[in-house]
Amino acid sequence: MTNNANLIKDNAMIAVAFAALNAFMLGGMSLSAKWLGDYFGAIEVTFWRNLASLILLGAWFLFIRNKEFFKTTRPWAHVFRSSIGTIGIALGMYTVSVLSLAETTVLLFTSPLFTVLLSVIFLKEKVGAFRMTAVIIGFIGVAITALPGILDGNTIFPILGLAAGIGWGFCSGSVDAVLRWIGTTENTYTTVFYFLLFGTIACGLYWPFSANDIDFTQQNDAVVILGIIALLGFTGTSALLAKTQSYRLGEASLVAPIMYTMLIWSVAFDYLFWERTPTWNVVLGAVIIVAANLFIMYREQKKKSKIITSEAMQG
């Protein structure tokens, strides 16, 4: 019993470490995307993000020699999931180009709020008054975060960034809801592989209409751009693998809250590279949104515990 308890404890600590690594890598991915946004538009950045991650993930598949990850019996389900995910990433790439990393991260945290609403609509899940109240409070946090941008009549970019950021959160929440459906039969890596493949092809079709005029014959520009693309792919793929490992080794209730440390890295990167600190409304909005998400998570875990206890008593 002691050895089993120690093993569970060790796995939990490793899971938390992987979850923290995931949050750091996601922060690094946002940073890389913001840098790349100086050279490309949102759809082009999404293309490079997907292509770089696809190459790295494909290389890893070949290294472990597991062809099972390429097999699927639900291609149209992957197309549906990938369409939503690709739109979401493109919105996120636009958001990060016009808002600070901290503001973008706070808006991304609306994802669990949308997941609750979409689960009610499409998955017919029952949501009690407590969780629904938490969702409402979470969106109040969004309003507080966005207030200065709405009141600022000098520029429209904060408002467009707000809309794109909320759209990113909505798409991310939609993906989470879809994954509950597709995840019953499909392997995680299979789903991610086809998402990256679809996103690369879909965004690649946009290139003939691209307005960028970057001269890749200029060596300095080419080296910088390729370096940022490599960093974008590395951080994105590392975040994926770290997240997968964290959920494999630990309970969702343990590792999911660690995701919110991404905001710490976003604030740090904003300050280090742009000498920008979050305003009071961003901090307050973040606290409200994160608190609402944590309460939703707590209620979901409590509901699952009741179901497990009830089934155990019936058995």
Protein backbone atom coordinates (compact mmCIF):
# COMPACT_ATOMS: atom_id res chain seq x y z
CA MET A 1 0.00 0.00 0.00
CA THR A 2 2.85 2.36 0.88
CA ASN A 3 4.59 1.76 -2.45
CA ASN A 4 1.34 2.35 -4.34
CA ALA A 5 0.71 5.55 -2.41
CA ASN A 6 4.23 6.79 -3.16
CA LEU A 7 3.80 5.92 -6.85
CA ILE A 8 0.53 7.86 -7.03
CA LYS A 9 2.19 10.81 -5.29
CA ASP A 10 5.18 10.72 -7.64
CA ASN A 11 2.91 10.53 -10.69
CA ALA A 12 0.90 13.48 -9.39
CA MET A 13 4.05 15.59 -9.00
CA ILE A 14 5.22 14.66 -12.50
CA ALA A 15 1.76 15.46 -13.87
CA VAL A 16 1.87 18.91 -12.28
CA ALA A 17 5.36 19.46 -13.74
CA PHE A 18 4.13 18.56 -17.23
CA ALA A 19 1.08 20.81 -16.77
CA ALA A 20 3.36 23.70 -15.79
CA LEU A 21 5.55 22.99 -18.83
CA ASN A 22 2.42 23.04 -21.01
CA ALA A 23 1.46 26.48 -19.68
CA PHE A 24 4.98 27.82 -20.26
CA MET A 25 5.12 26.45 -23.80
CA LEU A 26 1.70 27.92 -24.61
CA GLY A 27 2.97 31.28 -23.41
CA GLY A 28 6.02 30.82 -25.62
CA MET A 29 3.80 29.90 -28.56
CA SER A 30 1.79 33.11 -28.12
CA LEU A 31 5.03 35.09 -27.92
CA SER A 32 6.33 33.48 -31.12
CA ALA A 33 3.02 34.14 -32.88
CA LYS A 34 3.13 37.81 -31.87
CA TRP A 35 6.67 38.14 -33.25
CA LEU A 36 5.69 36.37 -36.47
CA GLY A 37 2.69 38.71 -36.74
CA ASP A 38 5.17 41.49 -37.61
CA TYR A 39 5.83 39.68 -40.90
CA PHE A 40 2.61 37.83 -41.76
CA GLY A 41 -1.16 38.08 -41.38
CA ALA A 42 -3.21 35.89 -39.05
CA ILE A 43 -4.00 33.16 -41.60
CA GLU A 44 -0.37 32.96 -42.71
CA VAL A 45 0.82 32.72 -39.10
CA THR A 46 -1.73 29.94 -38.57
CA PHE A 47 -0.31 28.15 -41.62
CA TRP A 48 3.26 28.31 -40.30
CA ARG A 49 2.12 27.27 -36.84
CA ASN A 50 0.32 24.21 -38.20
CA LEU A 51 3.02 23.26 -40.71
CA ALA A 52 5.87 23.47 -38.19
CA SER A 53 3.93 21.47 -35.61
CA LEU A 54 2.83 18.93 -38.25
CA ILE A 55 6.43 18.32 -39.32
CA LEU A 56 7.61 17.85 -35.73
CA LEU A 57 4.67 15.62 -34.79
CA GLY A 58 5.04 13.57 -37.97
CA ALA A 59 8.76 13.12 -37.28
CA TRP A 60 7.91 11.94 -33.76
CA PHE A 61 5.38 9.43 -35.15
CA LEU A 62 8.04 8.05 -37.48
CA PHE A 63 10.57 7.90 -34.65
CA ILE A 64 8.31 5.81 -32.41
CA ARG A 65 7.22 3.79 -35.49
CA ASN A 66 3.57 3.76 -34.61
CA LYS A 67 1.40 3.90 -37.73
CA GLU A 68 -1.80 3.45 -35.73
CA PHE A 69 -1.98 7.20 -35.16
CA PHE A 70 -2.68 7.73 -38.86
CA LYS A 71 -5.70 5.42 -38.90
CA THR A 72 -9.26 6.69 -38.42
CA THR A 73 -12.78 5.48 -39.08
CA ARG A 74 -14.36 8.93 -38.68
CA PRO A 75 -12.79 11.27 -41.27
CA TRP A 76 -15.73 13.68 -41.40
CA ALA A 77 -15.68 14.07 -37.63
CA HIS A 78 -12.04 15.14 -37.94
CA VAL A 79 -12.95 17.61 -40.70
CA PHE A 80 -15.61 19.13 -38.44
CA ARG A 81 -13.30 19.37 -35.43
CA SER A 82 -10.42 20.68 -37.56
CA SER A 83 -12.56 23.37 -39.20
CA ILE A 84 -13.56 24.81 -35.84
CA GLY A 85 -10.03 24.53 -34.48
CA THR A 86 -8.40 26.19 -37.49
CA ILE A 87 -10.81 29.12 -37.39
CA GLY A 88 -10.12 29.47 -33.68
CA ILE A 89 -6.35 29.47 -34.13
CA ALA A 90 -6.60 32.10 -36.89
CA LEU A 91 -8.70 34.30 -34.60
CA GLY A 92 -6.15 33.76 -31.84
CA MET A 93 -3.27 34.72 -34.12
CA TYR A 94 -5.08 37.94 -35.02
CA THR A 95 -5.87 38.68 -31.38
CA VAL A 96 -2.28 38.26 -30.26
CA SER A 97 -1.15 40.64 -33.02
CA VAL A 98 -3.32 43.55 -31.83
CA LEU A 99 -3.61 42.98 -28.08
CA SER A 100 -1.07 42.28 -25.37
CA LEU A 101 -0.23 38.67 -24.51
CA ALA A 102 -1.92 39.08 -21.12
CA GLU A 103 -5.15 40.40 -22.65
CA THR A 104 -5.15 37.63 -25.26
CA THR A 105 -4.61 34.97 -22.59
CA VAL A 106 -7.45 36.30 -20.43
CA LEU A 107 -9.84 36.13 -23.39
CA LEU A 108 -8.71 32.58 -24.16
CA PHE A 109 -9.69 31.64 -20.61
CA THR A 110 -13.34 32.08 -21.65
CA SER A 111 -13.07 28.68 -23.34
CA PRO A 112 -14.43 26.63 -20.37
CA LEU A 113 -17.37 29.02 -20.08
CA PHE A 114 -18.36 28.34 -23.69
CA THR A 115 -17.79 24.61 -23.20
CA VAL A 116 -20.45 24.55 -20.48
CA LEU A 117 -22.97 26.38 -22.66
CA LEU A 118 -22.27 24.26 -25.74
CA SER A 119 -22.44 21.03 -23.74
CA VAL A 120 -25.97 21.99 -22.70
CA ILE A 121 -27.04 22.81 -26.26
CA PHE A 122 -25.39 20.02 -28.24
CA LEU A 123 -24.56 17.26 -25.75
CA LYS A 124 -27.73 17.73 -23.71
CA GLU A 125 -25.74 17.79 -20.47
CA LYS A 126 -27.53 19.05 -17.38
CA VAL A 127 -26.00 22.15 -15.81
CA GLY A 128 -27.20 23.29 -12.42
CA ALA A 129 -27.85 26.82 -11.20
CA PHE A 130 -24.42 27.08 -9.53
CA ARG A 131 -22.44 26.34 -12.69
CA MET A 132 -24.66 28.55 -14.83
CA THR A 133 -24.20 31.40 -12.35
CA ALA A 134 -20.45 30.88 -12.55
CA VAL A 135 -20.64 31.15 -16.35
CA ILE A 136 -22.50 34.46 -16.07
CA ILE A 137 -19.98 35.79 -13.56
CA GLY A 138 -17.17 34.70 -15.88
CA PHE A 139 -18.61 36.77 -18.73
CA ILE A 140 -18.92 39.72 -16.36
CA GLY A 141 -15.15 39.33 -15.96
CA VAL A 142 -14.84 39.52 -19.75
CA ALA A 143 -16.85 42.76 -19.76
CA ILE A 144 -14.55 44.24 -17.12
CA THR A 145 -11.50 43.22 -19.14
CA ALA A 146 -12.91 44.83 -22.29
CA LEU A 147 -14.33 48.02 -20.77
CA PRO A 148 -11.50 50.44 -21.67
CA GLY A 149 -11.37 49.09 -25.26
CA ILE A 150 -15.11 49.66 -25.66
CA LEU A 151 -14.90 53.21 -24.26
CA ASP A 152 -11.85 54.12 -26.36
CA GLY A 153 -13.13 55.92 -29.45
CA ASN A 154 -9.69 56.65 -30.90
CA THR A 155 -9.03 53.24 -32.41
CA ILE A 156 -11.11 50.27 -33.47
CA PHE A 157 -8.37 47.67 -33.04
CA PRO A 158 -9.03 46.93 -29.34
CA ILE A 159 -12.68 46.22 -30.19
CA LEU A 160 -11.75 43.96 -33.10
CA GLY A 161 -9.16 42.28 -30.90
CA LEU A 162 -11.82 41.75 -28.23
CA ALA A 163 -14.20 40.19 -30.75
CA ALA A 164 -11.47 37.95 -32.18
CA GLY A 165 -10.31 36.94 -28.70
CA ILE A 166 -13.81 35.99 -27.60
CA GLY A 167 -14.23 34.16 -30.91
CA TRP A 168 -11.04 32.23 -30.14
CA GLY A 169 -12.41 31.31 -26.73
CA PHE A 170 -15.70 30.25 -28.32
CA CYS A 171 -13.95 28.06 -30.91
CA SER A 172 -11.69 26.57 -28.25
CA GLY A 173 -14.71 25.80 -26.08
CA SER A 174 -16.46 24.31 -29.11
CA VAL A 175 -13.45 22.08 -29.77
CA ASP A 176 -13.51 20.88 -26.15
CA ALA A 177 -17.18 19.99 -26.50
CA VAL A 178 -16.55 18.22 -29.83
CA LEU A 179 -13.62 16.29 -28.33
CA ARG A 180 -15.97 14.83 -25.72
CA TRP A 181 -17.87 13.36 -28.66
CA ILE A 182 -15.04 12.34 -30.97
CA GLY A 183 -12.78 11.25 -28.13
CA THR A 184 -14.97 8.23 -27.43
CA THR A 185 -13.48 6.45 -30.46
CA GLU A 186 -10.44 8.41 -31.64
CA ASN A 187 -6.92 8.54 -30.22
CA THR A 188 -5.73 11.97 -29.04
CA TYR A 189 -2.70 11.96 -31.32
CA THR A 190 -4.82 10.94 -34.31
CA THR A 191 -7.15 13.87 -33.69
CA VAL A 192 -4.27 16.33 -33.35
CA PHE A 193 -2.50 15.00 -36.45
CA TYR A 194 -5.54 15.47 -38.70
CA PHE A 195 -6.24 18.86 -37.15
CA LEU A 196 -2.75 20.04 -38.07
CA LEU A 197 -2.95 18.46 -41.52
CA PHE A 198 -6.32 20.08 -42.27
CA GLY A 199 -5.19 23.45 -40.92
CA THR A 200 -2.01 23.41 -43.00
CA ILE A 201 -3.89 22.60 -46.21
CA ALA A 202 -6.77 25.02 -45.55
CA CYS A 203 -4.51 27.95 -44.70
CA GLY A 204 -2.15 27.02 -47.53
CA LEU A 205 -4.99 27.61 -50.01
CA TYR A 206 -4.98 31.25 -48.88
CA TRP A 207 -1.41 31.92 -50.00
CA PRO A 208 -2.31 32.92 -53.61
CA PHE A 209 -4.42 35.73 -52.13
CA SER A 210 -1.83 36.79 -49.55
CA ALA A 211 -0.81 40.44 -49.60
CA ASN A 212 2.58 40.06 -47.85
CA ASP A 213 5.60 41.22 -49.84
CA ILE A 214 8.41 39.68 -47.80
CA ASP A 215 11.62 39.17 -49.75
CA PHE A 216 12.98 35.79 -48.65
CA THR A 217 16.15 36.45 -50.63
CA GLN A 218 17.21 38.85 -47.89
CA GLN A 219 19.24 36.52 -45.70
CA ASN A 220 18.79 38.37 -42.41
CA ASP A 221 14.99 38.45 -42.72
CA ALA A 222 14.87 34.81 -43.81
CA VAL A 223 16.97 33.65 -40.84
CA VAL A 224 14.88 35.59 -38.33
CA ILE A 225 11.56 34.41 -39.81
CA LEU A 226 12.63 30.77 -40.03
CA GLY A 227 13.91 30.97 -36.44
CA ILE A 228 10.57 32.30 -35.20
CA ILE A 229 8.66 29.65 -37.20
CA ALA A 230 10.86 26.92 -35.70
CA LEU A 231 10.24 28.31 -32.20
CA LEU A 232 6.50 28.48 -32.92
CA GLY A 233 6.43 24.84 -34.01
CA PHE A 234 8.61 23.68 -31.12
CA THR A 235 6.57 25.43 -28.42
CA GLY A 236 3.25 24.35 -29.97
CA THR A 237 4.25 20.69 -30.26
CA SER A 238 5.90 20.65 -26.84
CA ALA A 239 2.74 22.09 -25.29
CA LEU A 240 0.70 19.35 -26.94
CA LEU A 241 2.93 16.55 -25.69
CA ALA A 242 3.25 18.05 -22.20
CA LYS A 243 -0.53 18.42 -21.91
CA THR A 244 -1.06 14.84 -23.04
CA GLN A 245 1.42 13.54 -20.47
CA SER A 246 -0.04 15.64 -17.66
CA TYR A 247 -3.55 14.26 -18.23
CA ARG A 248 -2.19 10.74 -18.58
CA LEU A 249 -0.44 10.87 -15.21
CA GLY A 250 -2.81 13.02 -13.16
CA GLU A 251 -6.47 13.77 -12.62
CA ALA A 252 -8.01 16.66 -14.54
CA SER A 253 -8.89 18.38 -11.26
CA LEU A 254 -5.17 18.39 -10.41
CA VAL A 255 -3.58 19.46 -13.69
CA ALA A 256 -6.23 21.74 -15.26
CA PRO A 257 -5.80 24.65 -12.78
CA ILE A 258 -2.07 24.75 -13.59
CA MET A 259 -3.06 25.98 -17.05
CA TYR A 260 -3.77 29.39 -15.55
CA THR A 261 -0.07 29.92 -14.83
CA MET A 262 0.11 30.73 -18.55
CA LEU A 263 -1.07 34.20 -17.55
CA ILE A 264 2.07 34.66 -15.43
CA TRP A 265 4.29 33.93 -18.42
CA SER A 266 2.20 36.17 -20.66
CA VAL A 267 2.56 39.09 -18.23
CA ALA A 268 6.31 38.40 -17.92
CA PHE A 269 6.81 38.33 -21.70
CA ASP A 270 4.79 41.53 -22.12
CA TYR A 271 7.06 43.29 -19.64
CA LEU A 272 10.36 41.84 -20.85
CA PHE A 273 9.87 42.51 -24.56
CA TRP A 274 7.45 45.46 -24.67
CA GLU A 275 7.73 46.95 -21.16
CA ARG A 276 3.97 46.61 -20.87
CA THR A 277 2.14 45.79 -17.66
CA PRO A 278 -1.53 44.71 -17.40
CA THR A 279 -4.06 47.37 -16.47
CA TRP A 280 -6.28 47.07 -13.42
CA ASN A 281 -9.27 45.90 -15.44
CA VAL A 282 -7.29 43.08 -17.08
CA VAL A 283 -6.09 41.86 -13.67
CA LEU A 284 -9.57 42.06 -12.13
CA GLY A 285 -11.18 40.43 -15.17
CA ALA A 286 -8.61 37.63 -15.08
CA VAL A 287 -9.26 36.95 -11.40
CA ILE A 288 -13.03 36.77 -11.97
CA ILE A 289 -12.78 34.54 -15.06
CA VAL A 290 -10.28 32.14 -13.48
CA ALA A 291 -12.31 31.96 -10.27
CA ALA A 292 -15.45 31.18 -12.28
CA ASN A 293 -13.64 28.46 -14.22
CA LEU A 294 -12.23 26.88 -11.06
CA PHE A 295 -15.68 26.86 -9.47
CA ILE A 296 -17.15 25.19 -12.58
CA MET A 297 -14.39 22.58 -12.39
CA TYR A 298 -15.10 22.02 -8.70
CA ARG A 299 -18.82 21.50 -9.36
CA GLU A 300 -18.10 19.09 -12.23
CA GLN A 301 -15.76 17.02 -10.05
CA LYS A 302 -18.33 17.00 -7.24
CA LYS A 303 -20.99 15.81 -9.70
CA LYS A 304 -18.71 13.01 -10.97
CA SER A 305 -17.96 11.93 -7.39
CA LYS A 306 -21.68 11.64 -6.65
CA ILE A 307 -22.24 9.54 -9.78
CA ILE A 308 -19.34 7.22 -8.92
CA THR A 309 -20.57 6.85 -5.31
CA SER A 310 -24.11 6.15 -6.51
CA GLU A 311 -22.94 3.49 -8.97
CA ALA A 312 -20.75 1.90 -6.30
CA MET A 313 -23.69 1.67 -3.90
CA GLN A 314 -25.91 0.17 -6.59
CA GLY A 315 -23.24 -2.36 -7.51
